[in-house]
Amino acid sequence: APGKQRELVASITGAGSTNYADSVQGRFTISRDNAKNTVY
């Protein structure tokens, strides 16, 4: 955000292990399609 530091929102490994920031947990969902090299 303007004037603020960059922060991690969510991450995911190829095996499906996920990590979320506390501020978004329960509201955001991260996923990926390995065949398409795409993350959502």
PDB file of all heavy atoms in Angstrom:
ATOM      1  N   ALA A   1       0.842  -1.179   0.000  1.00  0.00           N
ATOM      2  CA  ALA A   1       0.000   0.000   0.000  1.00  0.00           C
ATOM      3  C   ALA A   1       0.882   1.234   0.000  1.00  0.00           C
ATOM      4  O   ALA A   1       2.038   1.183   0.433  1.00  0.00           O
ATOM      5  CB  ALA A   1      -0.917   0.001   1.220  1.00  0.00           C
ATOM      6  N   PRO A   2       0.375   2.366  -0.471  1.00  0.00           N
ATOM      7  CA  PRO A   2       1.179   3.594  -0.497  1.00  0.00           C
ATOM      8  C   PRO A   2       1.736   3.938   0.876  1.00  0.00           C
ATOM      9  O   PRO A   2       1.009   3.954   1.869  1.00  0.00           O
ATOM     10  CB  PRO A   2       0.182   4.651  -0.972  1.00  0.00           C
ATOM     11  CG  PRO A   2      -0.809   3.889  -1.784  1.00  0.00           C
ATOM     12  CD  PRO A   2      -0.957   2.575  -1.062  1.00  0.00           C
ATOM     13  N   GLY A   3       3.028   4.193   0.925  1.00  0.00           N
ATOM     14  CA  GLY A   3       3.668   4.562   2.172  1.00  0.00           C
ATOM     15  C   GLY A   3       3.937   3.418   3.121  1.00  0.00           C
ATOM     16  O   GLY A   3       4.407   3.653   4.242  1.00  0.00           O
ATOM     17  N   LYS A   4       3.638   2.204   2.706  1.00  0.00           N
ATOM     18  CA  LYS A   4       3.847   1.049   3.565  1.00  0.00           C
ATOM     19  C   LYS A   4       4.807   0.060   2.924  1.00  0.00           C
ATOM     20  O   LYS A   4       5.066   0.103   1.726  1.00  0.00           O
ATOM     21  CB  LYS A   4       2.516   0.363   3.879  1.00  0.00           C
ATOM     22  CG  LYS A   4       1.543   1.231   4.656  1.00  0.00           C
ATOM     23  CD  LYS A   4       0.290   0.456   5.020  1.00  0.00           C
ATOM     24  CE  LYS A   4      -0.660   1.310   5.832  1.00  0.00           C
ATOM     25  NZ  LYS A   4      -1.885   0.553   6.201  1.00  0.00           N
ATOM     26  N   GLN A   5       5.326  -0.830   3.747  1.00  0.00           N
ATOM     27  CA  GLN A   5       6.244  -1.843   3.269  1.00  0.00           C
ATOM     28  C   GLN A   5       5.494  -2.970   2.571  1.00  0.00           C
ATOM     29  O   GLN A   5       4.334  -3.247   2.867  1.00  0.00           O
ATOM     30  CB  GLN A   5       7.060  -2.415   4.433  1.00  0.00           C
ATOM     31  CG  GLN A   5       7.937  -1.406   5.139  1.00  0.00           C
ATOM     32  CD  GLN A   5       8.764  -2.049   6.221  1.00  0.00           C
ATOM     33  OE1 GLN A   5       9.775  -2.711   5.931  1.00  0.00           O
ATOM     34  NE2 GLN A   5       8.345  -1.878   7.460  1.00  0.00           N
ATOM     35  N   ARG A   6       6.184  -3.608   1.663  1.00  0.00           N
ATOM     36  CA  ARG A   6       5.610  -4.760   0.997  1.00  0.00           C
ATOM     37  C   ARG A   6       5.507  -5.923   1.979  1.00  0.00           C
ATOM     38  O   ARG A   6       6.437  -6.189   2.742  1.00  0.00           O
ATOM     39  CB  ARG A   6       6.470  -5.152  -0.201  1.00  0.00           C
ATOM     40  CG  ARG A   6       5.876  -6.246  -1.065  1.00  0.00           C
ATOM     41  CD  ARG A   6       6.712  -6.478  -2.318  1.00  0.00           C
ATOM     42  NE  ARG A   6       6.767  -5.286  -3.154  1.00  0.00           N
ATOM     43  CZ  ARG A   6       7.339  -5.235  -4.345  1.00  0.00           C
ATOM     44  NH1 ARG A   6       7.916  -6.315  -4.856  1.00  0.00           N
ATOM     45  NH2 ARG A   6       7.352  -4.099  -5.038  1.00  0.00           N
ATOM     46  N   GLU A   7       4.389  -6.612   1.944  1.00  0.00           N
ATOM     47  CA  GLU A   7       4.164  -7.709   2.866  1.00  0.00           C
ATOM     48  C   GLU A   7       3.674  -8.946   2.139  1.00  0.00           C
ATOM     49  O   GLU A   7       3.009  -8.863   1.110  1.00  0.00           O
ATOM     50  CB  GLU A   7       3.146  -7.316   3.947  1.00  0.00           C
ATOM     51  CG  GLU A   7       1.756  -7.016   3.406  1.00  0.00           C
ATOM     52  CD  GLU A   7       0.735  -6.757   4.492  1.00  0.00           C
ATOM     53  OE1 GLU A   7       1.054  -6.984   5.679  1.00  0.00           O
ATOM     54  OE2 GLU A   7      -0.390  -6.328   4.163  1.00  0.00           O
ATOM     55  N   LEU A   8       3.995 -10.074   2.706  1.00  0.00           N
ATOM     56  CA  LEU A   8       3.532 -11.339   2.154  1.00  0.00           C
ATOM     57  C   LEU A   8       2.047 -11.508   2.440  1.00  0.00           C
ATOM     58  O   LEU A   8       1.599 -11.333   3.571  1.00  0.00           O
ATOM     59  CB  LEU A   8       4.310 -12.504   2.761  1.00  0.00           C
ATOM     60  CG  LEU A   8       3.820 -13.906   2.387  1.00  0.00           C
ATOM     61  CD1 LEU A   8       4.060 -14.174   0.906  1.00  0.00           C
ATOM     62  CD2 LEU A   8       4.501 -14.961   3.241  1.00  0.00           C
ATOM     63  N   VAL A   9       1.296 -11.870   1.422  1.00  0.00           N
ATOM     64  CA  VAL A   9      -0.125 -12.144   1.570  1.00  0.00           C
ATOM     65  C   VAL A   9      -0.360 -13.643   1.695  1.00  0.00           C
ATOM     66  O   VAL A   9      -1.019 -14.111   2.620  1.00  0.00           O
ATOM     67  CB  VAL A   9      -0.935 -11.582   0.389  1.00  0.00           C
ATOM     68  CG1 VAL A   9      -2.417 -11.928   0.534  1.00  0.00           C
ATOM     69  CG2 VAL A   9      -0.748 -10.075   0.285  1.00  0.00           C
ATOM     70  N   ALA A  10       0.173 -14.388   0.748  1.00  0.00           N
ATOM     71  CA  ALA A  10       0.008 -15.831   0.745  1.00  0.00           C
ATOM     72  C   ALA A  10       1.047 -16.461  -0.164  1.00  0.00           C
ATOM     73  O   ALA A  10       1.512 -15.836  -1.114  1.00  0.00           O
ATOM     74  CB  ALA A  10      -1.401 -16.225   0.281  1.00  0.00           C
ATOM     75  N   SER A  11       1.397 -17.689   0.132  1.00  0.00           N
ATOM     76  CA  SER A  11       2.337 -18.423  -0.702  1.00  0.00           C
ATOM     77  C   SER A  11       1.924 -19.881  -0.767  1.00  0.00           C
ATOM     78  O   SER A  11       1.191 -20.376   0.096  1.00  0.00           O
ATOM     79  CB  SER A  11       3.764 -18.298  -0.170  1.00  0.00           C
ATOM     80  OG  SER A  11       3.886 -18.891   1.105  1.00  0.00           O
ATOM     81  N   ILE A  12       2.424 -20.559  -1.781  1.00  0.00           N
ATOM     82  CA  ILE A  12       2.096 -21.964  -1.961  1.00  0.00           C
ATOM     83  C   ILE A  12       3.243 -22.669  -2.668  1.00  0.00           C
ATOM     84  O   ILE A  12       3.848 -22.135  -3.597  1.00  0.00           O
ATOM     85  CB  ILE A  12       0.774 -22.125  -2.747  1.00  0.00           C
ATOM     86  CG1 ILE A  12       0.362 -23.595  -2.840  1.00  0.00           C
ATOM     87  CG2 ILE A  12       0.884 -21.492  -4.136  1.00  0.00           C
ATOM     88  CD1 ILE A  12      -1.049 -23.789  -3.362  1.00  0.00           C
ATOM     89  N   THR A  13       3.553 -23.868  -2.223  1.00  0.00           N
ATOM     90  CA  THR A  13       4.586 -24.664  -2.862  1.00  0.00           C
ATOM     91  C   THR A  13       3.959 -25.566  -3.904  1.00  0.00           C
ATOM     92  O   THR A  13       2.746 -25.709  -3.995  1.00  0.00           O
ATOM     93  CB  THR A  13       5.342 -25.527  -1.842  1.00  0.00           C
ATOM     94  OG1 THR A  13       4.459 -26.525  -1.318  1.00  0.00           O
ATOM     95  CG2 THR A  13       5.883 -24.680  -0.702  1.00  0.00           C
ATOM     96  N   GLY A  14       4.812 -26.204  -4.693  1.00  0.00           N
ATOM     97  CA  GLY A  14       4.317 -27.127  -5.701  1.00  0.00           C
ATOM     98  C   GLY A  14       3.583 -28.309  -5.106  1.00  0.00           C
ATOM     99  O   GLY A  14       2.709 -28.893  -5.751  1.00  0.00           O
ATOM    100  N   ALA A  15       3.917 -28.660  -3.883  1.00  0.00           N
ATOM    101  CA  ALA A  15       3.263 -29.765  -3.197  1.00  0.00           C
ATOM    102  C   ALA A  15       1.951 -29.356  -2.549  1.00  0.00           C
ATOM    103  O   ALA A  15       1.238 -30.209  -2.024  1.00  0.00           O
ATOM    104  CB  ALA A  15       4.195 -30.354  -2.147  1.00  0.00           C
ATOM    105  N   GLY A  16       1.644 -28.069  -2.564  1.00  0.00           N
ATOM    106  CA  GLY A  16       0.383 -27.606  -2.032  1.00  0.00           C
ATOM    107  C   GLY A  16       0.423 -27.036  -0.632  1.00  0.00           C
ATOM    108  O   GLY A  16      -0.634 -26.726  -0.064  1.00  0.00           O
ATOM    109  N   SER A  17       1.592 -26.899  -0.066  1.00  0.00           N
ATOM    110  CA  SER A  17       1.708 -26.305   1.257  1.00  0.00           C
ATOM    111  C   SER A  17       1.481 -24.800   1.168  1.00  0.00           C
ATOM    112  O   SER A  17       2.111 -24.121   0.366  1.00  0.00           O
ATOM    113  CB  SER A  17       3.085 -26.590   1.845  1.00  0.00           C
ATOM    114  OG  SER A  17       3.223 -26.012   3.124  1.00  0.00           O
ATOM    115  N   THR A  18       0.579 -24.281   1.996  1.00  0.00           N
ATOM    116  CA  THR A  18       0.211 -22.867   1.925  1.00  0.00           C
ATOM    117  C   THR A  18       0.572 -22.112   3.185  1.00  0.00           C
ATOM    118  O   THR A  18       0.706 -22.686   4.263  1.00  0.00           O
ATOM    119  CB  THR A  18      -1.295 -22.708   1.667  1.00  0.00           C
ATOM    120  OG1 THR A  18      -2.031 -23.351   2.723  1.00  0.00           O
ATOM    121  CG2 THR A  18      -1.686 -23.335   0.343  1.00  0.00           C
ATOM    122  N   ASN A  19       0.692 -20.816   3.019  1.00  0.00           N
ATOM    123  CA  ASN A  19       0.965 -19.926   4.130  1.00  0.00           C
ATOM    124  C   ASN A  19       0.223 -18.625   3.882  1.00  0.00           C
ATOM    125  O   ASN A  19       0.244 -18.097   2.767  1.00  0.00           O
ATOM    126  CB  ASN A  19       2.466 -19.670   4.263  1.00  0.00           C
ATOM    127  CG  ASN A  19       2.801 -18.835   5.476  1.00  0.00           C
ATOM    128  OD1 ASN A  19       2.430 -19.160   6.590  1.00  0.00           O
ATOM    129  ND2 ASN A  19       3.523 -17.743   5.259  1.00  0.00           N
ATOM    130  N   TYR A  20      -0.429 -18.095   4.924  1.00  0.00           N
ATOM    131  CA  TYR A  20      -1.219 -16.881   4.795  1.00  0.00           C
ATOM    132  C   TYR A  20      -0.852 -15.876   5.866  1.00  0.00           C
ATOM    133  O   TYR A  20      -0.519 -16.230   6.994  1.00  0.00           O
ATOM    134  CB  TYR A  20      -2.715 -17.173   4.933  1.00  0.00           C
ATOM    135  CG  TYR A  20      -3.305 -18.028   3.845  1.00  0.00           C
ATOM    136  CD1 TYR A  20      -3.382 -19.407   3.983  1.00  0.00           C
ATOM    137  CD2 TYR A  20      -3.798 -17.445   2.681  1.00  0.00           C
ATOM    138  CE1 TYR A  20      -3.936 -20.191   2.986  1.00  0.00           C
ATOM    139  CE2 TYR A  20      -4.352 -18.225   1.679  1.00  0.00           C
ATOM    140  CZ  TYR A  20      -4.422 -19.601   1.838  1.00  0.00           C
ATOM    141  OH  TYR A  20      -4.975 -20.372   0.843  1.00  0.00           O
ATOM    142  N   ALA A  21      -0.948 -14.628   5.498  1.00  0.00           N
ATOM    143  CA  ALA A  21      -0.840 -13.576   6.489  1.00  0.00           C
ATOM    144  C   ALA A  21      -2.063 -13.631   7.396  1.00  0.00           C
ATOM    145  O   ALA A  21      -3.160 -13.967   6.952  1.00  0.00           O
ATOM    146  CB  ALA A  21      -0.754 -12.208   5.815  1.00  0.00           C
ATOM    147  N   ASP A  22      -1.878 -13.304   8.662  1.00  0.00           N
ATOM    148  CA  ASP A  22      -2.990 -13.341   9.602  1.00  0.00           C
ATOM    149  C   ASP A  22      -4.153 -12.451   9.161  1.00  0.00           C
ATOM    150  O   ASP A  22      -5.320 -12.777   9.394  1.00  0.00           O
ATOM    151  CB  ASP A  22      -2.523 -12.906  10.990  1.00  0.00           C
ATOM    152  CG  ASP A  22      -1.605 -13.919  11.643  1.00  0.00           C
ATOM    153  OD1 ASP A  22      -1.601 -15.091  11.216  1.00  0.00           O
ATOM    154  OD2 ASP A  22      -0.894 -13.542  12.588  1.00  0.00           O
ATOM    155  N   SER A  23      -3.839 -11.359   8.524  1.00  0.00           N
ATOM    156  CA  SER A  23      -4.856 -10.398   8.139  1.00  0.00           C
ATOM    157  C   SER A  23      -5.788 -10.895   7.036  1.00  0.00           C
ATOM    158  O   SER A  23      -6.874 -10.343   6.856  1.00  0.00           O
ATOM    159  CB  SER A  23      -4.207  -9.087   7.696  1.00  0.00           C
ATOM    160  OG  SER A  23      -3.343  -9.295   6.598  1.00  0.00           O
ATOM    161  N   VAL A  24      -5.371 -11.922   6.308  1.00  0.00           N
ATOM    162  CA  VAL A  24      -6.186 -12.410   5.203  1.00  0.00           C
ATOM    163  C   VAL A  24      -6.666 -13.838   5.396  1.00  0.00           C
ATOM    164  O   VAL A  24      -7.503 -14.316   4.629  1.00  0.00           O
ATOM    165  CB  VAL A  24      -5.438 -12.307   3.858  1.00  0.00           C
ATOM    166  CG1 VAL A  24      -4.929 -10.898   3.633  1.00  0.00           C
ATOM    167  CG2 VAL A  24      -4.292 -13.314   3.789  1.00  0.00           C
ATOM    168  N   GLN A  25      -6.163 -14.508   6.385  1.00  0.00           N
ATOM    169  CA  GLN A  25      -6.526 -15.901   6.615  1.00  0.00           C
ATOM    170  C   GLN A  25      -8.030 -16.036   6.848  1.00  0.00           C
ATOM    171  O   GLN A  25      -8.627 -15.291   7.626  1.00  0.00           O
ATOM    172  CB  GLN A  25      -5.749 -16.468   7.801  1.00  0.00           C
ATOM    173  CG  GLN A  25      -5.799 -17.982   7.887  1.00  0.00           C
ATOM    174  CD  GLN A  25      -4.675 -18.537   8.742  1.00  0.00           C
ATOM    175  OE1 GLN A  25      -4.250 -17.888   9.704  1.00  0.00           O
ATOM    176  NE2 GLN A  25      -4.188 -19.701   8.403  1.00  0.00           N
ATOM    177  N   GLY A  26      -8.621 -16.973   6.157  1.00  0.00           N
ATOM    178  CA  GLY A  26     -10.053 -17.174   6.237  1.00  0.00           C
ATOM    179  C   GLY A  26     -10.823 -16.421   5.176  1.00  0.00           C
ATOM    180  O   GLY A  26     -11.995 -16.728   4.930  1.00  0.00           O
ATOM    181  N   ARG A  27     -10.181 -15.450   4.556  1.00  0.00           N
ATOM    182  CA  ARG A  27     -10.835 -14.661   3.513  1.00  0.00           C
ATOM    183  C   ARG A  27     -10.229 -14.918   2.132  1.00  0.00           C
ATOM    184  O   ARG A  27     -10.937 -14.893   1.131  1.00  0.00           O
ATOM    185  CB  ARG A  27     -10.750 -13.168   3.828  1.00  0.00           C
ATOM    186  CG  ARG A  27     -11.441 -12.769   5.117  1.00  0.00           C
ATOM    187  CD  ARG A  27     -11.483 -11.256   5.280  1.00  0.00           C
ATOM    188  NE  ARG A  27     -10.153 -10.670   5.376  1.00  0.00           N
ATOM    189  CZ  ARG A  27      -9.656  -9.778   4.521  1.00  0.00           C
ATOM    190  NH1 ARG A  27     -10.397  -9.350   3.498  1.00  0.00           N
ATOM    191  NH2 ARG A  27      -8.436  -9.290   4.694  1.00  0.00           N
ATOM    192  N   PHE A  28      -8.929 -15.134   2.106  1.00  0.00           N
ATOM    193  CA  PHE A  28      -8.219 -15.349   0.846  1.00  0.00           C
ATOM    194  C   PHE A  28      -7.825 -16.817   0.706  1.00  0.00           C
ATOM    195  O   PHE A  28      -7.535 -17.491   1.699  1.00  0.00           O
ATOM    196  CB  PHE A  28      -6.943 -14.505   0.783  1.00  0.00           C
ATOM    197  CG  PHE A  28      -7.174 -13.023   0.694  1.00  0.00           C
ATOM    198  CD1 PHE A  28      -8.429 -12.462   0.831  1.00  0.00           C
ATOM    199  CD2 PHE A  28      -6.095 -12.178   0.463  1.00  0.00           C
ATOM    200  CE1 PHE A  28      -8.627 -11.097   0.751  1.00  0.00           C
ATOM    201  CE2 PHE A  28      -6.273 -10.807   0.377  1.00  0.00           C
ATOM    202  CZ  PHE A  28      -7.542 -10.264   0.528  1.00  0.00           C
ATOM    203  N   THR A  29      -7.789 -17.275  -0.519  1.00  0.00           N
ATOM    204  CA  THR A  29      -7.354 -18.627  -0.811  1.00  0.00           C
ATOM    205  C   THR A  29      -6.377 -18.612  -1.974  1.00  0.00           C
ATOM    206  O   THR A  29      -6.685 -18.082  -3.039  1.00  0.00           O
ATOM    207  CB  THR A  29      -8.541 -19.544  -1.161  1.00  0.00           C
ATOM    208  OG1 THR A  29      -9.479 -19.556  -0.085  1.00  0.00           O
ATOM    209  CG2 THR A  29      -8.051 -20.968  -1.414  1.00  0.00           C
ATOM    210  N   ILE A  30      -5.221 -19.194  -1.756  1.00  0.00           N
ATOM    211  CA  ILE A  30      -4.230 -19.277  -2.813  1.00  0.00           C
ATOM    212  C   ILE A  30      -4.226 -20.683  -3.401  1.00  0.00           C
ATOM    213  O   ILE A  30      -4.417 -21.670  -2.680  1.00  0.00           O
ATOM    214  CB  ILE A  30      -2.823 -18.897  -2.300  1.00  0.00           C
ATOM    215  CG1 ILE A  30      -1.840 -18.752  -3.466  1.00  0.00           C
ATOM    216  CG2 ILE A  30      -2.314 -19.904  -1.273  1.00  0.00           C
ATOM    217  CD1 ILE A  30      -0.502 -18.140  -3.066  1.00  0.00           C
ATOM    218  N   SER A  31      -4.034 -20.774  -4.689  1.00  0.00           N
ATOM    219  CA  SER A  31      -3.974 -22.058  -5.364  1.00  0.00           C
ATOM    220  C   SER A  31      -3.063 -21.939  -6.573  1.00  0.00           C
ATOM    221  O   SER A  31      -2.693 -20.828  -6.978  1.00  0.00           O
ATOM    222  CB  SER A  31      -5.372 -22.530  -5.784  1.00  0.00           C
ATOM    223  OG  SER A  31      -5.960 -21.619  -6.700  1.00  0.00           O
ATOM    224  N   ARG A  32      -2.704 -23.065  -7.144  1.00  0.00           N
ATOM    225  CA  ARG A  32      -1.845 -23.026  -8.326  1.00  0.00           C
ATOM    226  C   ARG A  32      -2.135 -24.189  -9.250  1.00  0.00           C
ATOM    227  O   ARG A  32      -2.594 -25.246  -8.829  1.00  0.00           O
ATOM    228  CB  ARG A  32      -0.364 -23.013  -7.928  1.00  0.00           C
ATOM    229  CG  ARG A  32       0.110 -24.249  -7.186  1.00  0.00           C
ATOM    230  CD  ARG A  32       1.552 -24.083  -6.707  1.00  0.00           C
ATOM    231  NE  ARG A  32       2.516 -24.296  -7.784  1.00  0.00           N
ATOM    232  CZ  ARG A  32       3.837 -24.119  -7.653  1.00  0.00           C
ATOM    233  NH1 ARG A  32       4.334 -23.689  -6.494  1.00  0.00           N
ATOM    234  NH2 ARG A  32       4.643 -24.350  -8.676  1.00  0.00           N
ATOM    235  N   ASP A  33      -1.850 -23.956 -10.504  1.00  0.00           N
ATOM    236  CA  ASP A  33      -1.968 -24.964 -11.538  1.00  0.00           C
ATOM    237  C   ASP A  33      -0.554 -25.186 -12.061  1.00  0.00           C
ATOM    238  O   ASP A  33      -0.028 -24.376 -12.819  1.00  0.00           O
ATOM    239  CB  ASP A  33      -2.903 -24.496 -12.646  1.00  0.00           C
ATOM    240  CG  ASP A  33      -3.160 -25.568 -13.688  1.00  0.00           C
ATOM    241  OD1 ASP A  33      -2.307 -26.459 -13.871  1.00  0.00           O
ATOM    242  OD2 ASP A  33      -4.222 -25.513 -14.336  1.00  0.00           O
ATOM    243  N   ASN A  34       0.053 -26.266 -11.643  1.00  0.00           N
ATOM    244  CA  ASN A  34       1.442 -26.515 -12.007  1.00  0.00           C
ATOM    245  C   ASN A  34       1.632 -26.725 -13.506  1.00  0.00           C
ATOM    246  O   ASN A  34       2.675 -26.367 -14.061  1.00  0.00           O
ATOM    247  CB  ASN A  34       1.974 -27.727 -11.243  1.00  0.00           C
ATOM    248  CG  ASN A  34       2.096 -27.463  -9.756  1.00  0.00           C
ATOM    249  OD1 ASN A  34       2.299 -26.333  -9.325  1.00  0.00           O
ATOM    250  ND2 ASN A  34       1.985 -28.521  -8.962  1.00  0.00           N
ATOM    251  N   ALA A  35       0.642 -27.308 -14.148  1.00  0.00           N
ATOM    252  CA  ALA A  35       0.738 -27.541 -15.585  1.00  0.00           C
ATOM    253  C   ALA A  35       0.769 -26.235 -16.364  1.00  0.00           C
ATOM    254  O   ALA A  35       1.361 -26.160 -17.439  1.00  0.00           O
ATOM    255  CB  ALA A  35      -0.423 -28.415 -16.059  1.00  0.00           C
ATOM    256  N   LYS A  36       0.125 -25.210 -15.826  1.00  0.00           N
ATOM    257  CA  LYS A  36       0.076 -23.914 -16.483  1.00  0.00           C
ATOM    258  C   LYS A  36       1.042 -22.901 -15.881  1.00  0.00           C
ATOM    259  O   LYS A  36       1.107 -21.763 -16.344  1.00  0.00           O
ATOM    260  CB  LYS A  36      -1.343 -23.349 -16.415  1.00  0.00           C
ATOM    261  CG  LYS A  36      -2.378 -24.175 -17.163  1.00  0.00           C
ATOM    262  CD  LYS A  36      -3.749 -23.536 -17.060  1.00  0.00           C
ATOM    263  CE  LYS A  36      -4.790 -24.327 -17.829  1.00  0.00           C
ATOM    264  NZ  LYS A  36      -6.135 -23.705 -17.730  1.00  0.00           N
ATOM    265  N   ASN A  37       1.763 -23.310 -14.843  1.00  0.00           N
ATOM    266  CA  ASN A  37       2.658 -22.400 -14.132  1.00  0.00           C
ATOM    267  C   ASN A  37       1.936 -21.120 -13.731  1.00  0.00           C
ATOM    268  O   ASN A  37       2.443 -20.010 -13.922  1.00  0.00           O
ATOM    269  CB  ASN A  37       3.890 -22.086 -14.984  1.00  0.00           C
ATOM    270  CG  ASN A  37       4.811 -23.272 -15.129  1.00  0.00           C
ATOM    271  OD1 ASN A  37       5.058 -24.000 -14.163  1.00  0.00           O
ATOM    272  ND2 ASN A  37       5.341 -23.475 -16.324  1.00  0.00           N
ATOM    273  N   THR A  38       0.769 -21.310 -13.177  1.00  0.00           N
ATOM    274  CA  THR A  38      -0.079 -20.188 -12.813  1.00  0.00           C
ATOM    275  C   THR A  38      -0.496 -20.285 -11.354  1.00  0.00           C
ATOM    276  O   THR A  38      -0.826 -21.372 -10.866  1.00  0.00           O
ATOM    277  CB  THR A  38      -1.328 -20.141 -13.705  1.00  0.00           C
ATOM    278  OG1 THR A  38      -0.932 -20.002 -15.071  1.00  0.00           O
ATOM    279  CG2 THR A  38      -2.223 -18.967 -13.339  1.00  0.00           C
ATOM    280  N   VAL A  39      -0.491 -19.155 -10.683  1.00  0.00           N
ATOM    281  CA  VAL A  39      -0.946 -19.078  -9.306  1.00  0.00           C
ATOM    282  C   VAL A  39      -2.138 -18.137  -9.243  1.00  0.00           C
ATOM    283  O   VAL A  39      -2.200 -17.142  -9.971  1.00  0.00           O
ATOM    284  CB  VAL A  39       0.184 -18.617  -8.362  1.00  0.00           C
ATOM    285  CG1 VAL A  39       0.664 -17.210  -8.716  1.00  0.00           C
ATOM    286  CG2 VAL A  39      -0.265 -18.685  -6.906  1.00  0.00           C
ATOM    287  N   TYR A  40      -3.086 -18.466  -8.373  1.00  0.00           N
ATOM    288  CA  TYR A  40      -4.298 -17.683  -8.232  1.00  0.00           C
ATOM    289  C   TYR A  40      -4.455 -17.227  -6.790  1.00  0.00           C
ATOM    290  O   TYR A  40      -3.990 -17.873  -5.858  1.00  0.00           O
ATOM    291  CB  TYR A  40      -5.531 -18.502  -8.615  1.00  0.00           C
ATOM    292  CG  TYR A  40      -5.442 -19.152  -9.978  1.00  0.00           C
ATOM    293  CD1 TYR A  40      -4.972 -20.450 -10.117  1.00  0.00           C
ATOM    294  CD2 TYR A  40      -5.837 -18.463 -11.116  1.00  0.00           C
ATOM    295  CE1 TYR A  40      -4.894 -21.047 -11.364  1.00  0.00           C
ATOM    296  CE2 TYR A  40      -5.762 -19.054 -12.368  1.00  0.00           C
ATOM    297  CZ  TYR A  40      -5.291 -20.351 -12.480  1.00  0.00           C
ATOM    298  OH  TYR A  40      -5.219 -20.931 -13.721  1.00  0.00           O
TER     299      TYR A  40
END
